[in-house]
Amino acid sequence: MPDFREIGLEFKKRSPVAHSFMVELNHGYFGYLPAPRHFELGGYETWPGTNYLEPQASVKMLDALLEMAGDLAAKSK
């Protein structure tokens, strides 16, 4: 069974902002954000029609979020 906590935990681990965490609200997207390895497992969270994201979507989103967090950390110094 996929563990969807790993994206949030990775953000918390790599974030340059102290005490970072993710909130799991999706604001209108009714679906999952699987990590790339979940696509290899083939669960329903990754089926076309259920999920409209590419396998690397979570990596790209996490990288963008970490870049924004880095900008925020730099501005707060």
C-alpha atoms as a PDB file:
ATOM      1  CA  MET A   1       0.000   0.000   0.000  1.00  0.00           C
ATOM      2  CA  PRO A   2       1.451   3.394  -0.961  1.00  0.00           C
ATOM      3  CA  ASP A   3       2.466   5.752   1.784  1.00  0.00           C
ATOM      4  CA  PHE A   4       1.362   9.241   0.812  1.00  0.00           C
ATOM      5  CA  ARG A   5       3.142  10.808   3.783  1.00  0.00           C
ATOM      6  CA  GLU A   6       6.515  10.556   2.097  1.00  0.00           C
ATOM      7  CA  ILE A   7       6.134  13.761   0.042  1.00  0.00           C
ATOM      8  CA  GLY A   8       5.308  15.833   3.128  1.00  0.00           C
ATOM      9  CA  LEU A   9       8.067  14.212   5.139  1.00  0.00           C
ATOM     10  CA  GLU A  10      10.570  14.888   2.354  1.00  0.00           C
ATOM     11  CA  PHE A  11       9.521  18.555   2.295  1.00  0.00           C
ATOM     12  CA  LYS A  12       9.906  18.789   6.064  1.00  0.00           C
ATOM     13  CA  LYS A  13      13.360  17.192   5.887  1.00  0.00           C
ATOM     14  CA  ARG A  14      14.689  19.369   3.034  1.00  0.00           C
ATOM     15  CA  SER A  15      12.989  22.687   3.761  1.00  0.00           C
ATOM     16  CA  PRO A  16      15.246  25.621   4.626  1.00  0.00           C
ATOM     17  CA  VAL A  17      12.449  27.058   6.771  1.00  0.00           C
ATOM     18  CA  ALA A  18      12.483  25.850  10.366  1.00  0.00           C
ATOM     19  CA  HIS A  19       9.440  23.907  11.539  1.00  0.00           C
ATOM     20  CA  SER A  20       8.087  23.322   8.017  1.00  0.00           C
ATOM     21  CA  PHE A  21       5.186  20.983   7.362  1.00  0.00           C
ATOM     22  CA  MET A  22       2.574  20.331   4.691  1.00  0.00           C
ATOM     23  CA  VAL A  23      -1.157  20.711   4.900  1.00  0.00           C
ATOM     24  CA  GLU A  24      -3.099  18.201   2.839  1.00  0.00           C
ATOM     25  CA  LEU A  25      -5.877  20.392   1.474  1.00  0.00           C
ATOM     26  CA  ASN A  26      -6.206  20.209  -2.285  1.00  0.00           C
ATOM     27  CA  HIS A  27      -8.441  23.179  -3.142  1.00  0.00           C
ATOM     28  CA  GLY A  28     -10.544  21.521  -5.798  1.00  0.00           C
ATOM     29  CA  TYR A  29      -8.376  18.659  -7.017  1.00  0.00           C
ATOM     30  CA  PHE A  30     -10.010  15.412  -6.048  1.00  0.00           C
ATOM     31  CA  GLY A  31      -7.170  12.970  -6.277  1.00  0.00           C
ATOM     32  CA  TYR A  32      -3.856  11.794  -4.965  1.00  0.00           C
ATOM     33  CA  LEU A  33      -0.342  13.087  -5.489  1.00  0.00           C
ATOM     34  CA  PRO A  34       1.574   9.829  -5.766  1.00  0.00           C
ATOM     35  CA  ALA A  35       5.347   9.694  -5.605  1.00  0.00           C
ATOM     36  CA  PRO A  36       6.994   8.212  -8.736  1.00  0.00           C
ATOM     37  CA  ARG A  37       7.417   4.795  -7.130  1.00  0.00           C
ATOM     38  CA  HIS A  38       3.644   4.539  -6.657  1.00  0.00           C
ATOM     39  CA  PHE A  39       3.184   4.530 -10.425  1.00  0.00           C
ATOM     40  CA  GLU A  40       5.397   1.450 -10.590  1.00  0.00           C
ATOM     41  CA  LEU A  41       3.198  -0.265  -7.997  1.00  0.00           C
ATOM     42  CA  GLY A  42       0.144   0.320 -10.185  1.00  0.00           C
ATOM     43  CA  GLY A  43      -2.453   1.085  -7.504  1.00  0.00           C
ATOM     44  CA  TYR A  44      -5.769   2.753  -8.352  1.00  0.00           C
ATOM     45  CA  GLU A  45      -4.292   6.092  -7.278  1.00  0.00           C
ATOM     46  CA  THR A  46      -2.236   6.090 -10.496  1.00  0.00           C
ATOM     47  CA  TRP A  47      -4.742   4.754 -13.034  1.00  0.00           C
ATOM     48  CA  PRO A  48      -5.485   6.966 -16.032  1.00  0.00           C
ATOM     49  CA  GLY A  49      -8.902   8.482 -15.450  1.00  0.00           C
ATOM     50  CA  THR A  50      -8.316   8.470 -11.703  1.00  0.00           C
ATOM     51  CA  ASN A  51      -5.057  10.386 -11.830  1.00  0.00           C
ATOM     52  CA  TYR A  52      -4.243  12.995 -14.454  1.00  0.00           C
ATOM     53  CA  LEU A  53      -0.675  13.647 -13.306  1.00  0.00           C
ATOM     54  CA  GLU A  54       2.572  12.454 -14.808  1.00  0.00           C
ATOM     55  CA  PRO A  55       4.740  10.123 -12.717  1.00  0.00           C
ATOM     56  CA  GLN A  56       7.263  12.902 -11.925  1.00  0.00           C
ATOM     57  CA  ALA A  57       4.608  15.458 -10.893  1.00  0.00           C
ATOM     58  CA  SER A  58       5.297  15.161  -7.162  1.00  0.00           C
ATOM     59  CA  VAL A  59       9.048  15.584  -7.728  1.00  0.00           C
ATOM     60  CA  LYS A  60       8.502  18.725  -9.822  1.00  0.00           C
ATOM     61  CA  MET A  61       6.020  20.174  -7.329  1.00  0.00           C
ATOM     62  CA  LEU A  62       8.280  19.433  -4.368  1.00  0.00           C
ATOM     63  CA  ASP A  63      11.271  21.013  -6.111  1.00  0.00           C
ATOM     64  CA  ALA A  64       9.236  24.142  -6.897  1.00  0.00           C
ATOM     65  CA  LEU A  65       7.933  24.322  -3.338  1.00  0.00           C
ATOM     66  CA  LEU A  66      11.436  23.966  -1.891  1.00  0.00           C
ATOM     67  CA  GLU A  67      12.647  26.732  -4.186  1.00  0.00           C
ATOM     68  CA  MET A  68       9.843  29.003  -2.932  1.00  0.00           C
ATOM     69  CA  ALA A  69      10.677  28.068   0.662  1.00  0.00           C
ATOM     70  CA  GLY A  70      14.318  28.954  -0.042  1.00  0.00           C
ATOM     71  CA  ASP A  71      13.257  32.355  -1.380  1.00  0.00           C
ATOM     72  CA  LEU A  72      11.136  32.915   1.712  1.00  0.00           C
ATOM     73  CA  ALA A  73      13.989  31.909   4.026  1.00  0.00           C
ATOM     74  CA  ALA A  74      16.403  34.259   2.220  1.00  0.00           C
ATOM     75  CA  LYS A  75      13.982  37.202   2.482  1.00  0.00           C
ATOM     76  CA  SER A  76      13.433  36.642   6.185  1.00  0.00           C
ATOM     77  CA  LYS A  77      17.148  37.018   7.017  1.00  0.00           C
END
